[in-house]
Amino acid sequence: MMSTISTIYLPMALAIIMLGLGLSLTVDDFRRVLTQPKAVAVALLVQVILLPAVAFGLCYLFALTPEFAVGLMLLAASPGGTSANLFSHLARGDVALNITLTAVNSLLAIITLPLMINLALLHFIGEDKSVPLQFGKVAQVVAIVIVPVLIGMLLRHRRPVLAIRFEKPVKLFSLLFLLAIVAMVMVTGWKAIVAHLPSVGGAMLSFNLLSLAIGYQLAKLAGLGRPQATAIGMEIGVHNSALAISLALSPLLLNSPLMAIPPTLYSPIMMLTAGAFAWWLTRRR
């Protein structure tokens, strides 16, 4: 059931939500992103360099077993999930920046993800298994994120009144969908959560909170506005756990149910903390 939620229901619903987000975007929003290379640079710095370092430190701080340590490093190396765009929208972040970062990080992950995971395997387990380039991830991003957004933007351009009318219903649907996904993940994965929460839960919660905080605060320190900082915080703090789980379980890749435990526990934790972070940001505003 957990794999069905991650691989079927979640992508389908996110594609619909991304269509709704596209209704609120215009070409000018992306032009502003191109004039702010600092935001993209900050996000890539955190994603490629700081997050793996944070995850590596947490592996030793919480004394994780080798398989769990590789699972955490796998999650840290995975790009931001498409859910980051949704949480950023709910928190009134710069969604255009989120979409750009999701696409850029996913393309970059073709190189960085296999490199990071092979190094983690060599360090923690002593095995140099091969994790090939994830070209399928690029296709997933195009299908779930870019194409629906482009359709929504086209509707916004051709039918602006209709697009504005649908913005609030889509936002309400997004919130209800989040609550439903959290409930389903908690129910279907309850046994795994209870069994491994004492040994891995603290590391996953710490990693998630640190990712959100580092992404948001570094963006603020770099002089970026709150919408851009919110977008970067969500992009860095909401990882593609479905990708990490599929890589860990794939018989042709890692083939390790134990390595899939950290990203599995991360999913409900991330949804709760990212939702709380979005609520806190909107309350502050």
C-alpha atoms as a PDB file:
ATOM      1  CA  MET A   1       0.000   0.000   0.000  1.00  0.00           C
ATOM      2  CA  MET A   2       2.868   2.384   0.834  1.00  0.00           C
ATOM      3  CA  SER A   3       4.440   1.853  -2.590  1.00  0.00           C
ATOM      4  CA  THR A   4       1.053   2.383  -4.262  1.00  0.00           C
ATOM      5  CA  ILE A   5       0.640   5.720  -2.506  1.00  0.00           C
ATOM      6  CA  SER A   6       4.164   6.831  -3.453  1.00  0.00           C
ATOM      7  CA  THR A   7       4.184   5.650  -7.050  1.00  0.00           C
ATOM      8  CA  ILE A   8       0.573   6.093  -8.214  1.00  0.00           C
ATOM      9  CA  TYR A   9      -1.709   8.246  -6.073  1.00  0.00           C
ATOM     10  CA  LEU A  10       0.878  10.819  -5.017  1.00  0.00           C
ATOM     11  CA  PRO A  11       2.218  11.561  -8.544  1.00  0.00           C
ATOM     12  CA  MET A  12      -1.299  11.741  -9.996  1.00  0.00           C
ATOM     13  CA  ALA A  13      -2.557  14.122  -7.334  1.00  0.00           C
ATOM     14  CA  LEU A  14       0.598  16.224  -7.472  1.00  0.00           C
ATOM     15  CA  ALA A  15       0.218  16.585 -11.232  1.00  0.00           C
ATOM     16  CA  ILE A  16      -3.280  17.961 -10.680  1.00  0.00           C
ATOM     17  CA  ILE A  17      -1.997  20.294  -7.979  1.00  0.00           C
ATOM     18  CA  MET A  18       0.845  21.493 -10.212  1.00  0.00           C
ATOM     19  CA  LEU A  19      -1.762  22.269 -12.859  1.00  0.00           C
ATOM     20  CA  GLY A  20      -3.493  24.436 -10.281  1.00  0.00           C
ATOM     21  CA  LEU A  21      -0.231  26.148  -9.354  1.00  0.00           C
ATOM     22  CA  GLY A  22       0.337  26.942 -12.998  1.00  0.00           C
ATOM     23  CA  LEU A  23      -2.957  28.852 -12.975  1.00  0.00           C
ATOM     24  CA  SER A  24      -1.376  31.386 -10.594  1.00  0.00           C
ATOM     25  CA  LEU A  25       1.911  31.781 -12.522  1.00  0.00           C
ATOM     26  CA  THR A  26       2.906  33.962 -15.440  1.00  0.00           C
ATOM     27  CA  VAL A  27       6.003  34.195 -17.623  1.00  0.00           C
ATOM     28  CA  ASP A  28       7.054  37.278 -15.640  1.00  0.00           C
ATOM     29  CA  ASP A  29       7.395  35.129 -12.502  1.00  0.00           C
ATOM     30  CA  PHE A  30      10.097  33.034 -14.186  1.00  0.00           C
ATOM     31  CA  ARG A  31      11.775  36.089 -15.626  1.00  0.00           C
ATOM     32  CA  ARG A  32      12.240  37.340 -12.070  1.00  0.00           C
ATOM     33  CA  VAL A  33      13.901  34.039 -11.154  1.00  0.00           C
ATOM     34  CA  LEU A  34      16.441  34.505 -13.955  1.00  0.00           C
ATOM     35  CA  THR A  35      17.313  37.924 -12.536  1.00  0.00           C
ATOM     36  CA  GLN A  36      18.058  36.333  -9.123  1.00  0.00           C
ATOM     37  CA  PRO A  37      20.895  33.850  -9.696  1.00  0.00           C
ATOM     38  CA  LYS A  38      21.815  34.190  -6.016  1.00  0.00           C
ATOM     39  CA  ALA A  39      18.706  32.215  -4.998  1.00  0.00           C
ATOM     40  CA  VAL A  40      19.572  29.320  -7.303  1.00  0.00           C
ATOM     41  CA  ALA A  41      23.208  29.367  -6.152  1.00  0.00           C
ATOM     42  CA  VAL A  42      22.249  29.259  -2.446  1.00  0.00           C
ATOM     43  CA  ALA A  43      19.861  26.346  -2.992  1.00  0.00           C
ATOM     44  CA  LEU A  44      22.397  24.328  -4.977  1.00  0.00           C
ATOM     45  CA  LEU A  45      25.124  24.980  -2.388  1.00  0.00           C
ATOM     46  CA  VAL A  46      22.938  23.621   0.395  1.00  0.00           C
ATOM     47  CA  GLN A  47      21.635  20.661  -1.632  1.00  0.00           C
ATOM     48  CA  VAL A  48      24.940  19.436  -3.030  1.00  0.00           C
ATOM     49  CA  ILE A  49      27.404  20.255  -0.230  1.00  0.00           C
ATOM     50  CA  LEU A  50      25.791  21.080   3.129  1.00  0.00           C
ATOM     51  CA  LEU A  51      23.030  18.457   3.259  1.00  0.00           C
ATOM     52  CA  PRO A  52      25.288  15.438   2.627  1.00  0.00           C
ATOM     53  CA  ALA A  53      27.636  16.786   5.306  1.00  0.00           C
ATOM     54  CA  VAL A  54      24.736  17.175   7.767  1.00  0.00           C
ATOM     55  CA  ALA A  55      23.471  13.671   7.004  1.00  0.00           C
ATOM     56  CA  PHE A  56      26.973  12.210   7.392  1.00  0.00           C
ATOM     57  CA  GLY A  57      27.309  13.820  10.817  1.00  0.00           C
ATOM     58  CA  LEU A  58      23.876  12.555  11.930  1.00  0.00           C
ATOM     59  CA  CYS A  59      24.844   9.003  10.958  1.00  0.00           C
ATOM     60  CA  TYR A  60      27.568   9.076  13.596  1.00  0.00           C
ATOM     61  CA  LEU A  61      25.698  11.213  16.108  1.00  0.00           C
ATOM     62  CA  PHE A  62      22.831   8.712  16.247  1.00  0.00           C
ATOM     63  CA  ALA A  63      25.118   5.687  15.754  1.00  0.00           C
ATOM     64  CA  LEU A  64      23.091   4.356  12.825  1.00  0.00           C
ATOM     65  CA  THR A  65      23.747   0.881  11.489  1.00  0.00           C
ATOM     66  CA  PRO A  66      25.544   0.790   8.098  1.00  0.00           C
ATOM     67  CA  GLU A  67      22.330   0.058   6.172  1.00  0.00           C
ATOM     68  CA  PHE A  68      20.411   2.847   7.902  1.00  0.00           C
ATOM     69  CA  ALA A  69      23.334   5.232   7.368  1.00  0.00           C
ATOM     70  CA  VAL A  70      23.329   4.536   3.626  1.00  0.00           C
ATOM     71  CA  GLY A  71      19.557   5.022   3.608  1.00  0.00           C
ATOM     72  CA  LEU A  72      19.935   8.463   5.183  1.00  0.00           C
ATOM     73  CA  MET A  73      22.703   9.426   2.747  1.00  0.00           C
ATOM     74  CA  LEU A  74      20.493   8.198  -0.111  1.00  0.00           C
ATOM     75  CA  LEU A  75      17.722  10.508   1.084  1.00  0.00           C
ATOM     76  CA  ALA A  76      20.112  13.460   1.446  1.00  0.00           C
ATOM     77  CA  ALA A  77      21.376  12.947  -2.092  1.00  0.00           C
ATOM     78  CA  SER A  78      17.846  12.815  -3.540  1.00  0.00           C
ATOM     79  CA  PRO A  79      16.576  16.084  -5.015  1.00  0.00           C
ATOM     80  CA  GLY A  80      13.627  18.028  -3.664  1.00  0.00           C
ATOM     81  CA  GLY A  81      10.301  16.329  -4.149  1.00  0.00           C
ATOM     82  CA  THR A  82       7.431  17.747  -6.136  1.00  0.00           C
ATOM     83  CA  SER A  83       5.627  18.152  -2.796  1.00  0.00           C
ATOM     84  CA  ALA A  84       8.023  21.037  -2.073  1.00  0.00           C
ATOM     85  CA  ASN A  85       6.198  23.103  -4.674  1.00  0.00           C
ATOM     86  CA  LEU A  86       2.905  22.427  -2.935  1.00  0.00           C
ATOM     87  CA  PHE A  87       4.167  23.304   0.546  1.00  0.00           C
ATOM     88  CA  SER A  88       5.787  26.453  -0.827  1.00  0.00           C
ATOM     89  CA  HIS A  89       2.476  27.444  -2.389  1.00  0.00           C
ATOM     90  CA  LEU A  90       0.666  26.935   0.921  1.00  0.00           C
ATOM     91  CA  ALA A  91       3.334  29.026   2.700  1.00  0.00           C
ATOM     92  CA  ARG A  92       3.134  31.786   0.041  1.00  0.00           C
ATOM     93  CA  GLY A  93       6.642  31.164  -1.206  1.00  0.00           C
ATOM     94  CA  ASP A  94       8.078  31.845  -4.650  1.00  0.00           C
ATOM     95  CA  VAL A  95       6.581  28.850  -6.469  1.00  0.00           C
ATOM     96  CA  ALA A  96       8.255  29.789  -9.756  1.00  0.00           C
ATOM     97  CA  LEU A  97      11.617  29.533  -7.979  1.00  0.00           C
ATOM     98  CA  ASN A  98      10.580  26.169  -6.511  1.00  0.00           C
ATOM     99  CA  ILE A  99       9.695  24.753  -9.901  1.00  0.00           C
ATOM    100  CA  THR A 100      12.982  25.987 -11.346  1.00  0.00           C
ATOM    101  CA  LEU A 101      14.967  24.499  -8.452  1.00  0.00           C
ATOM    102  CA  THR A 102      13.133  21.165  -8.693  1.00  0.00           C
ATOM    103  CA  ALA A 103      14.002  20.881 -12.370  1.00  0.00           C
ATOM    104  CA  VAL A 104      17.637  21.978 -11.906  1.00  0.00           C
ATOM    105  CA  ASN A 105      18.208  19.729  -8.871  1.00  0.00           C
ATOM    106  CA  SER A 106      16.669  16.757 -10.645  1.00  0.00           C
ATOM    107  CA  LEU A 107      18.933  17.206 -13.659  1.00  0.00           C
ATOM    108  CA  LEU A 108      21.945  17.656 -11.381  1.00  0.00           C
ATOM    109  CA  ALA A 109      20.994  14.500  -9.464  1.00  0.00           C
ATOM    110  CA  ILE A 110      21.751  12.441 -12.572  1.00  0.00           C
ATOM    111  CA  ILE A 111      25.413  12.963 -11.657  1.00  0.00           C
ATOM    112  CA  THR A 112      25.439  13.722  -7.928  1.00  0.00           C
ATOM    113  CA  LEU A 113      23.071  11.000  -6.703  1.00  0.00           C
ATOM    114  CA  PRO A 114      25.019   7.964  -8.024  1.00  0.00           C
ATOM    115  CA  LEU A 115      28.284   9.560  -6.881  1.00  0.00           C
ATOM    116  CA  MET A 116      27.046  10.238  -3.329  1.00  0.00           C
ATOM    117  CA  ILE A 117      25.477   6.816  -2.878  1.00  0.00           C
ATOM    118  CA  ASN A 118      28.445   4.889  -4.209  1.00  0.00           C
ATOM    119  CA  LEU A 119      30.709   6.802  -1.800  1.00  0.00           C
ATOM    120  CA  ALA A 120      28.307   6.063   1.081  1.00  0.00           C
ATOM    121  CA  LEU A 121      28.274   2.360   0.227  1.00  0.00           C
ATOM    122  CA  LEU A 122      32.049   2.271   0.100  1.00  0.00           C
ATOM    123  CA  HIS A 123      32.416   4.135   3.413  1.00  0.00           C
ATOM    124  CA  PHE A 124      29.744   2.475   5.557  1.00  0.00           C
ATOM    125  CA  ILE A 125      29.497  -1.028   4.074  1.00  0.00           C
ATOM    126  CA  GLY A 126      32.651  -1.466   2.030  1.00  0.00           C
ATOM    127  CA  GLU A 127      30.759  -2.452  -1.103  1.00  0.00           C
ATOM    128  CA  ASP A 128      30.944  -0.482  -4.321  1.00  0.00           C
ATOM    129  CA  LYS A 129      27.586  -1.353  -5.829  1.00  0.00           C
ATOM    130  CA  SER A 130      26.677   0.509  -8.969  1.00  0.00           C
ATOM    131  CA  VAL A 131      23.835   3.047  -8.830  1.00  0.00           C
ATOM    132  CA  PRO A 132      23.355   4.124 -12.466  1.00  0.00           C
ATOM    133  CA  LEU A 133      22.313   7.502 -13.767  1.00  0.00           C
ATOM    134  CA  GLN A 134      18.658   8.239 -13.060  1.00  0.00           C
ATOM    135  CA  PHE A 135      17.385   9.435 -16.431  1.00  0.00           C
ATOM    136  CA  GLY A 136      13.916   8.270 -15.404  1.00  0.00           C
ATOM    137  CA  LYS A 137      13.873  10.943 -12.703  1.00  0.00           C
ATOM    138  CA  VAL A 138      14.150  13.672 -15.326  1.00  0.00           C
ATOM    139  CA  ALA A 139      11.177  12.223 -17.197  1.00  0.00           C
ATOM    140  CA  GLN A 140       9.228  12.079 -13.927  1.00  0.00           C
ATOM    141  CA  VAL A 141       9.908  15.748 -13.208  1.00  0.00           C
ATOM    142  CA  VAL A 142       8.833  16.726 -16.725  1.00  0.00           C
ATOM    143  CA  ALA A 143       5.640  14.682 -16.479  1.00  0.00           C
ATOM    144  CA  ILE A 144       4.591  15.654 -12.955  1.00  0.00           C
ATOM    145  CA  VAL A 145       5.923  19.198 -12.589  1.00  0.00           C
ATOM    146  CA  ILE A 146       6.753  21.010 -15.791  1.00  0.00           C
ATOM    147  CA  VAL A 147       4.018  19.854 -18.175  1.00  0.00           C
ATOM    148  CA  PRO A 148       1.055  20.493 -15.807  1.00  0.00           C
ATOM    149  CA  VAL A 149       2.492  23.885 -14.851  1.00  0.00           C
ATOM    150  CA  LEU A 150       2.848  24.864 -18.499  1.00  0.00           C
ATOM    151  CA  ILE A 151      -0.756  23.840 -19.147  1.00  0.00           C
ATOM    152  CA  GLY A 152      -1.911  25.893 -16.161  1.00  0.00           C
ATOM    153  CA  MET A 153       0.095  28.917 -17.307  1.00  0.00           C
ATOM    154  CA  LEU A 154      -1.397  28.606 -20.782  1.00  0.00           C
ATOM    155  CA  LEU A 155      -4.888  28.612 -19.289  1.00  0.00           C
ATOM    156  CA  ARG A 156      -3.940  31.625 -17.164  1.00  0.00           C
ATOM    157  CA  HIS A 157      -2.799  33.438 -20.310  1.00  0.00           C
ATOM    158  CA  ARG A 158      -5.809  32.465 -22.431  1.00  0.00           C
ATOM    159  CA  ARG A 159      -8.519  32.475 -19.732  1.00  0.00           C
ATOM    160  CA  PRO A 160      -7.310  34.725 -16.862  1.00  0.00           C
ATOM    161  CA  VAL A 161     -10.736  35.128 -15.229  1.00  0.00           C
ATOM    162  CA  LEU A 162     -11.292  31.367 -15.122  1.00  0.00           C
ATOM    163  CA  ALA A 163      -7.780  30.779 -13.775  1.00  0.00           C
ATOM    164  CA  ILE A 164      -8.223  33.277 -10.928  1.00  0.00           C
ATOM    165  CA  ARG A 165     -11.579  31.709 -10.040  1.00  0.00           C
ATOM    166  CA  PHE A 166      -9.985  28.274  -9.595  1.00  0.00           C
ATOM    167  CA  GLU A 167      -7.027  29.405  -7.417  1.00  0.00           C
ATOM    168  CA  LYS A 168      -8.802  29.142  -4.029  1.00  0.00           C
ATOM    169  CA  PRO A 169     -10.510  25.780  -4.710  1.00  0.00           C
ATOM    170  CA  VAL A 170      -7.162  24.305  -5.775  1.00  0.00           C
ATOM    171  CA  LYS A 171      -5.477  25.591  -2.619  1.00  0.00           C
ATOM    172  CA  LEU A 172      -8.225  24.027  -0.490  1.00  0.00           C
ATOM    173  CA  PHE A 173      -7.860  20.745  -2.374  1.00  0.00           C
ATOM    174  CA  SER A 174      -4.098  20.874  -1.768  1.00  0.00           C
ATOM    175  CA  LEU A 175      -4.588  21.185   1.989  1.00  0.00           C
ATOM    176  CA  LEU A 176      -7.151  18.375   2.134  1.00  0.00           C
ATOM    177  CA  PHE A 177      -4.934  16.193  -0.028  1.00  0.00           C
ATOM    178  CA  LEU A 178      -1.978  16.717   2.310  1.00  0.00           C
ATOM    179  CA  LEU A 179      -4.040  15.671   5.329  1.00  0.00           C
ATOM    180  CA  ALA A 180      -5.274  12.572   3.482  1.00  0.00           C
ATOM    181  CA  ILE A 181      -1.763  11.538   2.419  1.00  0.00           C
ATOM    182  CA  VAL A 182      -0.410  11.972   5.965  1.00  0.00           C
ATOM    183  CA  ALA A 183      -3.239   9.810   7.296  1.00  0.00           C
ATOM    184  CA  MET A 184      -2.690   7.080   4.687  1.00  0.00           C
ATOM    185  CA  VAL A 185       1.069   7.007   5.220  1.00  0.00           C
ATOM    186  CA  MET A 186       0.649   6.769   8.990  1.00  0.00           C
ATOM    187  CA  VAL A 187      -1.919   3.962   8.726  1.00  0.00           C
ATOM    188  CA  THR A 188      -0.213   1.852   6.050  1.00  0.00           C
ATOM    189  CA  GLY A 189       3.303   2.238   7.433  1.00  0.00           C
ATOM    190  CA  TRP A 190       2.401   2.079  11.110  1.00  0.00           C
ATOM    191  CA  LYS A 191       4.156  -1.228  11.840  1.00  0.00           C
ATOM    192  CA  ALA A 192       7.424  -0.108  10.238  1.00  0.00           C
ATOM    193  CA  ILE A 193       7.181   3.274  11.954  1.00  0.00           C
ATOM    194  CA  VAL A 194       6.682   1.721  15.389  1.00  0.00           C
ATOM    195  CA  ALA A 195       9.373  -0.926  14.876  1.00  0.00           C
ATOM    196  CA  HIS A 196      12.164   1.383  13.716  1.00  0.00           C
ATOM    197  CA  LEU A 197      11.177   4.749  15.160  1.00  0.00           C
ATOM    198  CA  PRO A 198      13.374   4.397  18.294  1.00  0.00           C
ATOM    199  CA  SER A 199      16.534   3.675  16.271  1.00  0.00           C
ATOM    200  CA  VAL A 200      16.022   5.898  13.217  1.00  0.00           C
ATOM    201  CA  GLY A 201      13.267   8.373  14.058  1.00  0.00           C
ATOM    202  CA  GLY A 202      15.473  10.848  15.903  1.00  0.00           C
ATOM    203  CA  ALA A 203      17.951  11.029  13.024  1.00  0.00           C
ATOM    204  CA  MET A 204      15.194  11.527  10.439  1.00  0.00           C
ATOM    205  CA  LEU A 205      13.442  14.223  12.459  1.00  0.00           C
ATOM    206  CA  SER A 206      16.745  16.015  13.054  1.00  0.00           C
ATOM    207  CA  PHE A 207      17.680  15.805   9.385  1.00  0.00           C
ATOM    208  CA  ASN A 208      14.310  17.179   8.299  1.00  0.00           C
ATOM    209  CA  LEU A 209      14.292  20.066  10.773  1.00  0.00           C
ATOM    210  CA  LEU A 210      17.906  20.973   9.999  1.00  0.00           C
ATOM    211  CA  SER A 211      17.200  20.888   6.259  1.00  0.00           C
ATOM    212  CA  LEU A 212      14.234  23.250   6.582  1.00  0.00           C
ATOM    213  CA  ALA A 213      16.090  25.586   8.926  1.00  0.00           C
ATOM    214  CA  ILE A 214      19.363  25.683   6.972  1.00  0.00           C
ATOM    215  CA  GLY A 215      17.642  26.299   3.644  1.00  0.00           C
ATOM    216  CA  TYR A 216      15.453  29.090   5.024  1.00  0.00           C
ATOM    217  CA  GLN A 217      18.035  30.821   7.229  1.00  0.00           C
ATOM    218  CA  LEU A 218      20.888  30.765   4.715  1.00  0.00           C
ATOM    219  CA  ALA A 219      18.585  32.300   2.127  1.00  0.00           C
ATOM    220  CA  LYS A 220      17.681  35.060   4.606  1.00  0.00           C
ATOM    221  CA  LEU A 221      21.360  35.607   5.458  1.00  0.00           C
ATOM    222  CA  ALA A 222      22.095  35.903   1.732  1.00  0.00           C
ATOM    223  CA  GLY A 223      19.696  38.838   1.582  1.00  0.00           C
ATOM    224  CA  LEU A 224      16.844  37.064  -0.209  1.00  0.00           C
ATOM    225  CA  GLY A 225      13.239  37.968   0.473  1.00  0.00           C
ATOM    226  CA  ARG A 226      10.819  35.854   2.483  1.00  0.00           C
ATOM    227  CA  PRO A 227       9.108  34.278  -0.579  1.00  0.00           C
ATOM    228  CA  GLN A 228      12.489  33.161  -1.966  1.00  0.00           C
ATOM    229  CA  ALA A 229      13.685  31.959   1.461  1.00  0.00           C
ATOM    230  CA  THR A 230      10.458  30.017   1.901  1.00  0.00           C
ATOM    231  CA  ALA A 231      10.868  28.402  -1.510  1.00  0.00           C
ATOM    232  CA  ILE A 232      14.467  27.388  -0.773  1.00  0.00           C
ATOM    233  CA  GLY A 233      13.580  26.114   2.702  1.00  0.00           C
ATOM    234  CA  MET A 234      10.870  23.872   1.290  1.00  0.00           C
ATOM    235  CA  GLU A 235      13.013  22.721  -1.632  1.00  0.00           C
ATOM    236  CA  ILE A 236      15.833  21.720   0.716  1.00  0.00           C
ATOM    237  CA  GLY A 237      13.619  20.340   3.490  1.00  0.00           C
ATOM    238  CA  VAL A 238      11.178  18.274   1.392  1.00  0.00           C
ATOM    239  CA  HIS A 239      13.117  15.476  -0.308  1.00  0.00           C
ATOM    240  CA  ASN A 240      11.906  12.979  -2.865  1.00  0.00           C
ATOM    241  CA  SER A 241      11.457  10.070  -0.476  1.00  0.00           C
ATOM    242  CA  ALA A 242       9.651   8.035  -3.158  1.00  0.00           C
ATOM    243  CA  LEU A 243      12.790   8.108  -5.311  1.00  0.00           C
ATOM    244  CA  ALA A 244      14.974   7.105  -2.359  1.00  0.00           C
ATOM    245  CA  ILE A 245      12.644   4.229  -1.458  1.00  0.00           C
ATOM    246  CA  SER A 246      12.517   2.947  -5.038  1.00  0.00           C
ATOM    247  CA  LEU A 247      16.315   3.023  -5.359  1.00  0.00           C
ATOM    248  CA  ALA A 248      16.742   1.172  -2.061  1.00  0.00           C
ATOM    249  CA  LEU A 249      14.205  -1.546  -2.908  1.00  0.00           C
ATOM    250  CA  SER A 250      15.045  -2.023  -6.594  1.00  0.00           C
ATOM    251  CA  PRO A 251      16.455  -5.532  -7.205  1.00  0.00           C
ATOM    252  CA  LEU A 252      18.730  -4.093  -9.910  1.00  0.00           C
ATOM    253  CA  LEU A 253      20.175  -1.383  -7.662  1.00  0.00           C
ATOM    254  CA  LEU A 254      20.569  -1.523  -3.863  1.00  0.00           C
ATOM    255  CA  ASN A 255      18.013  -4.290  -3.194  1.00  0.00           C
ATOM    256  CA  SER A 256      17.928  -3.527   0.535  1.00  0.00           C
ATOM    257  CA  PRO A 257      14.685  -3.193   2.526  1.00  0.00           C
ATOM    258  CA  LEU A 258      16.743  -1.919   5.483  1.00  0.00           C
ATOM    259  CA  MET A 259      18.088   1.006   3.418  1.00  0.00           C
ATOM    260  CA  ALA A 260      14.489   1.892   2.543  1.00  0.00           C
ATOM    261  CA  ILE A 261      13.533   2.308   6.229  1.00  0.00           C
ATOM    262  CA  PRO A 262      14.968   5.865   6.711  1.00  0.00           C
ATOM    263  CA  PRO A 263      13.175   7.408   3.701  1.00  0.00           C
ATOM    264  CA  THR A 264      10.005   5.503   4.637  1.00  0.00           C
ATOM    265  CA  LEU A 265      10.052   7.027   8.127  1.00  0.00           C
ATOM    266  CA  TYR A 266      10.981  10.390   6.630  1.00  0.00           C
ATOM    267  CA  SER A 267       7.776  10.629   4.587  1.00  0.00           C
ATOM    268  CA  PRO A 268       5.250  11.149   7.422  1.00  0.00           C
ATOM    269  CA  ILE A 269       7.758  13.177   9.452  1.00  0.00           C
ATOM    270  CA  MET A 270       8.422  15.480   6.498  1.00  0.00           C
ATOM    271  CA  MET A 271       4.746  16.028   5.770  1.00  0.00           C
ATOM    272  CA  LEU A 272       3.990  16.963   9.365  1.00  0.00           C
ATOM    273  CA  THR A 273       6.988  19.253   9.855  1.00  0.00           C
ATOM    274  CA  ALA A 274       6.737  20.922   6.442  1.00  0.00           C
ATOM    275  CA  GLY A 275       3.033  21.509   7.037  1.00  0.00           C
ATOM    276  CA  ALA A 276       3.780  23.017  10.460  1.00  0.00           C
ATOM    277  CA  PHE A 277       6.558  25.145   8.937  1.00  0.00           C
ATOM    278  CA  ALA A 278       4.184  26.428   6.246  1.00  0.00           C
ATOM    279  CA  TRP A 279       1.578  27.261   8.900  1.00  0.00           C
ATOM    280  CA  TRP A 280       4.196  29.093  11.003  1.00  0.00           C
ATOM    281  CA  LEU A 281       5.373  31.150   8.037  1.00  0.00           C
ATOM    282  CA  THR A 282       1.854  32.201   7.091  1.00  0.00           C
ATOM    283  CA  ARG A 283       1.091  33.120  10.723  1.00  0.00           C
ATOM    284  CA  ARG A 284       4.218  35.272  10.877  1.00  0.00           C
ATOM    285  CA  ARG A 285       3.240  36.988   7.679  1.00  0.00           C
END
